[in-house]
């Protein structure tokens, strides 16, 4: 029995070493970016980072600490704010929304700002944090799930920026560190197993995508109305433009309109064609189609 355990231990160690070598040589794992809690209570990325997205492409974080595209100038600026659809690490940096918009012949420079799982209220907080750049417009790429996730009374989530519609108090996302996760991140083979197998046992690929988690649930339109009313009181909305996903609940859009928000709804007869094969995020083609409609909105 003792000899058997020694042999088993030996084969496990050899297997881990071989697995680590294979994952590193063939870039099978995903590099995790480093982030911090800023003085404005928002979780932000350290600037000038790059990393592998499995074996497909590299993600990048620009000198401003934002994923993907870096504006050539901060003059005549339009911010592009959102959740994982705007972080978009599942596509190469050239497929990012701000990059496509910069190629559409408009007179603006585009500044991306995002965090996976960001709620509507977090997007408003990000817009407030970027106000010192004096943007002409601030585009918030949203879906009805982003509004539902914003309301603390519906379901409290410590990883999400939320607001209480009763007292107006904003609760910011917690930055949680784990020694176990740090160990897993440093060992590529363990992280590969964790991300590709363990996480899939618990959640699907859209675990950080509130658009998928909320889908199909009944929306409390009264609370959504309260959220918009409170947002108008708490934030400057004059240059905010809500860019609604094609499958956004129409009643939510109507409530935004009734409350005086500028908005634009994306249109398509085949929304699936915009999405990636394995989840609901936009593909490069989808981002390009979105950018075309947004650019046309600006040109008009």
Protein backbone atom coordinates (compact mmCIF):
# COMPACT_ATOMS: atom_id res chain seq x y z
CA UNK A 1 0.00 0.00 0.00
CA UNK A 2 2.83 2.37 0.91
CA UNK A 3 4.58 1.65 -2.38
CA UNK A 4 1.32 2.22 -4.25
CA UNK A 5 0.86 5.65 -2.62
CA UNK A 6 4.43 6.62 -3.47
CA UNK A 7 3.88 5.64 -7.09
CA UNK A 8 0.56 7.49 -7.19
CA UNK A 9 2.18 10.63 -5.74
CA UNK A 10 5.02 10.38 -8.27
CA UNK A 11 2.63 10.10 -11.23
CA UNK A 12 0.49 13.00 -9.95
CA UNK A 13 3.56 15.25 -9.62
CA UNK A 14 4.83 14.25 -13.07
CA UNK A 15 1.34 14.84 -14.51
CA UNK A 16 1.16 18.32 -12.99
CA UNK A 17 4.62 19.22 -14.32
CA UNK A 18 3.78 17.95 -17.82
CA UNK A 19 0.41 19.74 -17.72
CA UNK A 20 2.09 23.00 -16.65
CA UNK A 21 4.61 22.73 -19.51
CA UNK A 22 1.91 21.97 -22.12
CA UNK A 23 -0.39 24.81 -20.99
CA UNK A 24 2.48 27.34 -20.99
CA UNK A 25 4.09 26.23 -24.28
CA UNK A 26 0.79 26.16 -26.20
CA UNK A 27 -0.71 29.21 -24.37
CA UNK A 28 -3.85 27.25 -23.46
CA UNK A 29 -4.66 29.24 -20.35
CA UNK A 30 -5.99 32.78 -19.90
CA UNK A 31 -3.81 35.39 -18.24
CA UNK A 32 -5.61 37.31 -15.50
CA UNK A 33 -5.21 41.09 -15.48
CA UNK A 34 -4.33 42.97 -12.29
CA UNK A 35 -6.78 45.46 -10.81
CA UNK A 36 -7.24 47.64 -7.75
CA UNK A 37 -9.85 49.65 -5.83
CA UNK A 38 -9.52 53.33 -6.75
CA UNK A 39 -10.23 56.30 -4.48
CA UNK A 40 -13.62 56.76 -6.20
CA UNK A 41 -14.54 53.23 -4.99
CA UNK A 42 -14.51 51.77 -8.51
CA UNK A 43 -12.53 48.65 -9.38
CA UNK A 44 -10.04 49.61 -12.10
CA UNK A 45 -7.22 47.98 -14.04
CA UNK A 46 -3.55 48.75 -13.70
CA UNK A 47 -2.41 50.37 -16.97
CA UNK A 48 -0.15 48.90 -19.67
CA UNK A 49 -0.92 45.20 -19.33
CA UNK A 50 -1.07 42.43 -21.90
CA UNK A 51 -1.88 38.75 -21.64
CA UNK A 52 -3.00 35.65 -23.49
CA UNK A 53 -6.62 34.74 -24.13
CA UNK A 54 -6.00 31.00 -24.41
CA UNK A 55 -4.30 30.22 -27.75
CA UNK A 56 -6.40 32.62 -29.83
CA UNK A 57 -5.15 36.18 -29.22
CA UNK A 58 -3.73 38.62 -26.69
CA UNK A 59 -5.79 41.05 -24.66
CA UNK A 60 -4.37 44.47 -23.84
CA UNK A 61 -5.00 47.25 -21.33
CA UNK A 62 -3.97 50.72 -22.48
CA UNK A 63 -2.11 53.49 -20.66
CA UNK A 64 -5.40 54.71 -19.15
CA UNK A 65 -6.09 51.31 -17.58
CA UNK A 66 -8.85 50.43 -20.06
CA UNK A 67 -9.27 47.33 -22.20
CA UNK A 68 -8.42 47.55 -25.88
CA UNK A 69 -8.37 50.72 -27.90
CA UNK A 70 -6.43 53.80 -26.78
CA UNK A 71 -7.69 57.15 -28.14
CA UNK A 72 -5.13 59.21 -30.04
CA UNK A 73 -6.37 62.34 -28.32
CA UNK A 74 -8.64 63.30 -25.43
CA UNK A 75 -10.10 66.21 -27.40
CA UNK A 76 -13.69 66.03 -28.67
CA UNK A 77 -14.13 62.90 -26.63
CA UNK A 78 -16.90 60.31 -26.49
CA UNK A 79 -16.72 57.67 -23.77
CA UNK A 80 -17.76 54.08 -24.51
CA UNK A 81 -18.89 52.59 -21.20
CA UNK A 82 -20.21 49.11 -20.48
CA UNK A 83 -19.78 45.65 -19.02
CA UNK A 84 -18.08 42.56 -20.49
CA UNK A 85 -19.49 43.47 -23.92
CA UNK A 86 -17.16 46.49 -23.91
CA UNK A 87 -14.23 44.85 -22.06
CA UNK A 88 -14.53 42.27 -24.83
CA UNK A 89 -11.46 40.18 -23.98
CA UNK A 90 -12.98 37.27 -25.89
CA UNK A 91 -12.11 39.12 -29.14
CA UNK A 92 -8.81 40.68 -30.31
CA UNK A 93 -8.29 44.39 -29.41
CA UNK A 94 -8.88 45.44 -33.01
CA UNK A 95 -12.48 44.15 -32.66
CA UNK A 96 -13.31 46.43 -29.74
CA UNK A 97 -16.22 48.84 -30.01
CA UNK A 98 -14.16 52.02 -29.49
CA UNK A 99 -11.71 50.93 -32.17
CA UNK A 100 -14.45 50.32 -34.73
CA UNK A 101 -16.08 53.66 -33.88
CA UNK A 102 -12.76 55.44 -34.39
CA UNK A 103 -12.69 54.07 -37.96
CA UNK A 104 -16.19 55.21 -38.89
CA UNK A 105 -15.32 58.71 -40.07
CA UNK A 106 -16.84 60.68 -37.20
CA UNK A 107 -15.07 63.72 -35.75
CA UNK A 108 -14.80 62.25 -32.24
CA UNK A 109 -12.17 60.40 -30.24
CA UNK A 110 -13.48 57.36 -28.34
CA UNK A 111 -12.49 56.37 -24.80
CA UNK A 112 -13.51 52.88 -23.57
CA UNK A 113 -14.29 52.20 -19.90
CA UNK A 114 -15.73 48.94 -18.58
CA UNK A 115 -15.79 46.15 -16.04
CA UNK A 116 -17.19 42.67 -16.46
CA UNK A 117 -20.55 42.47 -14.72
CA UNK A 118 -20.92 46.26 -14.44
CA UNK A 119 -24.45 47.43 -13.65
CA UNK A 120 -26.15 50.55 -15.02
CA UNK A 121 -25.33 52.39 -11.77
CA UNK A 122 -21.66 51.42 -12.06
CA UNK A 123 -21.69 52.76 -15.60
CA UNK A 124 -23.13 56.05 -14.29
CA UNK A 125 -20.39 56.13 -11.63
CA UNK A 126 -17.79 55.56 -14.34
CA UNK A 127 -19.31 58.36 -16.40
CA UNK A 128 -19.08 60.63 -13.35
CA UNK A 129 -15.43 59.63 -12.82
CA UNK A 130 -14.64 60.54 -16.44
CA UNK A 131 -16.45 63.89 -16.39
CA UNK A 132 -13.13 65.71 -15.81
CA UNK A 133 -12.18 64.80 -19.40
CA UNK A 134 -15.15 66.91 -20.54
CA UNK A 135 -16.60 64.32 -22.94
CA UNK A 136 -19.12 65.53 -25.52
CA UNK A 137 -21.17 62.36 -25.05
CA UNK A 138 -21.01 59.37 -22.73
CA UNK A 139 -22.34 56.19 -24.34
CA UNK A 140 -23.66 53.54 -21.94
CA UNK A 141 -24.15 50.16 -23.63
CA UNK A 142 -27.02 48.62 -21.68
CA UNK A 143 -29.65 45.90 -21.50
CA UNK A 144 -32.59 45.53 -19.11
CA UNK A 145 -30.49 43.23 -16.92
CA UNK A 146 -28.09 46.10 -16.16
CA UNK A 147 -30.95 48.08 -14.58
CA UNK A 148 -32.34 45.12 -12.60
CA UNK A 149 -28.85 44.36 -11.24
CA UNK A 150 -28.49 47.99 -10.11
CA UNK A 151 -31.32 47.85 -7.58
CA UNK A 152 -30.25 46.67 -4.12
CA UNK A 153 -33.84 45.92 -3.09
CA UNK A 154 -34.17 43.22 -5.75
CA UNK A 155 -31.10 41.19 -4.79
CA UNK A 156 -27.97 42.29 -3.01
CA UNK A 157 -24.74 41.30 -4.77
CA UNK A 158 -21.40 42.26 -3.18
CA UNK A 159 -19.62 42.02 -6.55
CA UNK A 160 -21.96 44.58 -8.16
CA UNK A 161 -22.32 48.34 -7.74
CA UNK A 162 -25.92 48.88 -6.61
CA UNK A 163 -28.19 51.61 -5.32
CA UNK A 164 -31.06 51.56 -2.87
CA UNK A 165 -34.13 53.16 -4.44
CA UNK A 166 -35.44 53.77 -0.91
CA UNK A 167 -32.58 55.90 0.46
CA UNK A 168 -30.36 56.59 -2.56
CA UNK A 169 -27.30 54.97 -0.98
CA UNK A 170 -24.78 53.51 -3.44
CA UNK A 171 -23.05 50.28 -2.39
CA UNK A 172 -19.84 49.65 -4.28
CA UNK A 173 -18.45 46.31 -5.38
CA UNK A 174 -16.07 44.60 -2.97
CA UNK A 175 -12.54 43.81 -4.10
CA UNK A 176 -11.96 40.34 -2.75
CA UNK A 177 -8.53 38.75 -2.73
CA UNK A 178 -7.90 35.07 -2.14
CA UNK A 179 -4.55 33.39 -1.50
CA UNK A 180 -5.92 30.24 -3.10
CA UNK A 181 -6.84 32.15 -6.28
CA UNK A 182 -3.41 33.80 -6.33
CA UNK A 183 -1.84 30.34 -6.21
CA UNK A 184 -4.16 29.09 -8.95
CA UNK A 185 -3.37 32.10 -11.17
CA UNK A 186 0.37 31.49 -10.81
CA UNK A 187 0.08 27.83 -11.78
CA UNK A 188 -1.24 27.90 -15.35
CA UNK A 189 -2.26 24.23 -15.37
CA UNK A 190 -4.38 24.58 -12.22
CA UNK A 191 -6.00 27.75 -13.57
CA UNK A 192 -6.71 26.02 -16.89
CA UNK A 193 -8.52 23.20 -15.04
CA UNK A 194 -10.31 25.70 -12.78
CA UNK A 195 -11.60 27.90 -15.61
CA UNK A 196 -12.40 25.22 -18.20
CA UNK A 197 -13.85 22.51 -15.98
CA UNK A 198 -14.61 23.54 -12.40
CA UNK A 199 -16.33 26.82 -13.31
CA UNK A 200 -18.40 25.09 -15.99
CA UNK A 201 -19.70 22.66 -13.40
CA UNK A 202 -21.02 25.60 -11.38
CA UNK A 203 -22.00 28.10 -14.09
CA UNK A 204 -22.12 28.40 -17.83
CA UNK A 205 -19.73 30.56 -19.90
CA UNK A 206 -21.85 33.64 -19.23
CA UNK A 207 -21.40 33.57 -15.45
CA UNK A 208 -20.36 37.25 -15.35
CA UNK A 209 -22.98 38.29 -17.89
CA UNK A 210 -26.01 39.69 -16.06
CA UNK A 211 -27.88 39.89 -19.37
CA UNK A 212 -28.03 36.10 -19.40
CA UNK A 213 -28.63 35.64 -15.67
CA UNK A 214 -31.61 38.03 -15.67
CA UNK A 215 -33.11 36.80 -18.94
CA UNK A 216 -36.61 35.41 -18.60
CA UNK A 217 -37.22 36.80 -15.12
CA UNK A 218 -40.15 39.11 -14.50
CA UNK A 219 -39.12 42.77 -14.32
CA UNK A 220 -40.52 45.06 -11.62
CA UNK A 221 -41.17 48.17 -13.75
CA UNK A 222 -42.09 50.21 -10.70
CA UNK A 223 -38.60 49.74 -9.29
CA UNK A 224 -37.07 50.51 -12.70
CA UNK A 225 -39.05 53.77 -12.74
CA UNK A 226 -37.77 54.60 -9.24
CA UNK A 227 -34.22 53.87 -10.42
CA UNK A 228 -34.46 56.31 -13.34
CA UNK A 229 -35.98 59.03 -11.17
CA UNK A 230 -33.22 58.60 -8.59
CA UNK A 231 -30.52 58.54 -11.27
CA UNK A 232 -31.70 61.91 -12.62
CA UNK A 233 -31.43 63.41 -9.14
CA UNK A 234 -28.06 61.90 -8.30
CA UNK A 235 -26.14 62.20 -11.59
CA UNK A 236 -25.64 64.59 -14.50
CA UNK A 237 -27.41 63.02 -17.49
CA UNK A 238 -27.25 65.80 -20.09
CA UNK A 239 -24.56 64.10 -22.18
CA UNK A 240 -25.51 60.50 -21.35
CA UNK A 241 -26.74 58.38 -24.28
CA UNK A 242 -28.12 54.91 -23.51
CA UNK A 243 -27.29 52.43 -26.29
CA UNK A 244 -29.82 49.63 -25.83
CA UNK A 245 -29.14 46.08 -26.96
CA UNK A 246 -31.58 44.82 -29.65
CA UNK A 247 -33.25 42.41 -27.22
CA UNK A 248 -33.85 44.95 -24.45
CA UNK A 249 -37.30 44.92 -22.86
CA UNK A 250 -39.33 47.64 -24.65
CA UNK A 251 -41.01 48.83 -21.45
CA UNK A 252 -37.60 49.58 -19.92
CA UNK A 253 -36.73 51.71 -22.95
CA UNK A 254 -40.08 53.52 -22.67
CA UNK A 255 -39.36 54.32 -19.00
CA UNK A 256 -35.94 55.73 -19.95
CA UNK A 257 -37.59 57.88 -22.63
CA UNK A 258 -40.29 59.12 -20.24
CA UNK A 259 -37.57 60.22 -17.81
CA UNK A 260 -35.79 62.32 -20.40
CA UNK A 261 -32.80 60.09 -21.14
CA UNK A 262 -31.21 60.29 -24.58
CA UNK A 263 -31.19 56.82 -26.06
CA UNK A 264 -30.60 54.75 -29.15
CA UNK A 265 -31.75 51.16 -29.69
CA UNK A 266 -29.69 48.87 -31.88
CA UNK A 267 -31.66 47.08 -34.58
CA UNK A 268 -31.18 43.74 -36.32
CA UNK A 269 -33.33 41.04 -37.87
CA UNK A 270 -30.81 38.37 -36.87
CA UNK A 271 -29.33 39.09 -33.45
CA UNK A 272 -27.75 35.61 -33.32
CA UNK A 273 -25.49 36.59 -36.21
CA UNK A 274 -23.94 39.27 -34.00
CA UNK A 275 -23.14 36.82 -31.21
CA UNK A 276 -20.29 34.41 -30.61
CA UNK A 277 -20.97 30.69 -31.19
CA UNK A 278 -20.71 29.66 -27.53
CA UNK A 279 -22.22 32.62 -25.65
CA UNK A 280 -24.22 35.81 -26.05
CA UNK A 281 -21.31 38.27 -26.34
CA UNK A 282 -20.79 40.05 -29.64
CA UNK A 283 -18.31 38.67 -32.14
CA UNK A 284 -16.03 40.90 -34.21
CA UNK A 285 -18.79 41.05 -36.82
CA UNK A 286 -21.33 41.96 -34.15
CA UNK A 287 -19.18 44.79 -32.79
CA UNK A 288 -18.69 46.13 -36.29
CA UNK A 289 -22.43 46.11 -36.97
CA UNK A 290 -23.09 47.84 -33.64
CA UNK A 291 -20.45 50.49 -34.38
CA UNK A 292 -21.97 51.18 -37.80
CA UNK A 293 -25.35 51.98 -36.25
CA UNK A 294 -23.87 54.07 -33.44
CA UNK A 295 -21.70 56.04 -35.92
CA UNK A 296 -24.74 56.65 -38.13
CA UNK A 297 -26.59 57.92 -35.06
CA UNK A 298 -23.77 60.42 -34.46
CA UNK A 299 -23.58 61.51 -38.10
CA UNK A 300 -27.31 62.23 -38.08
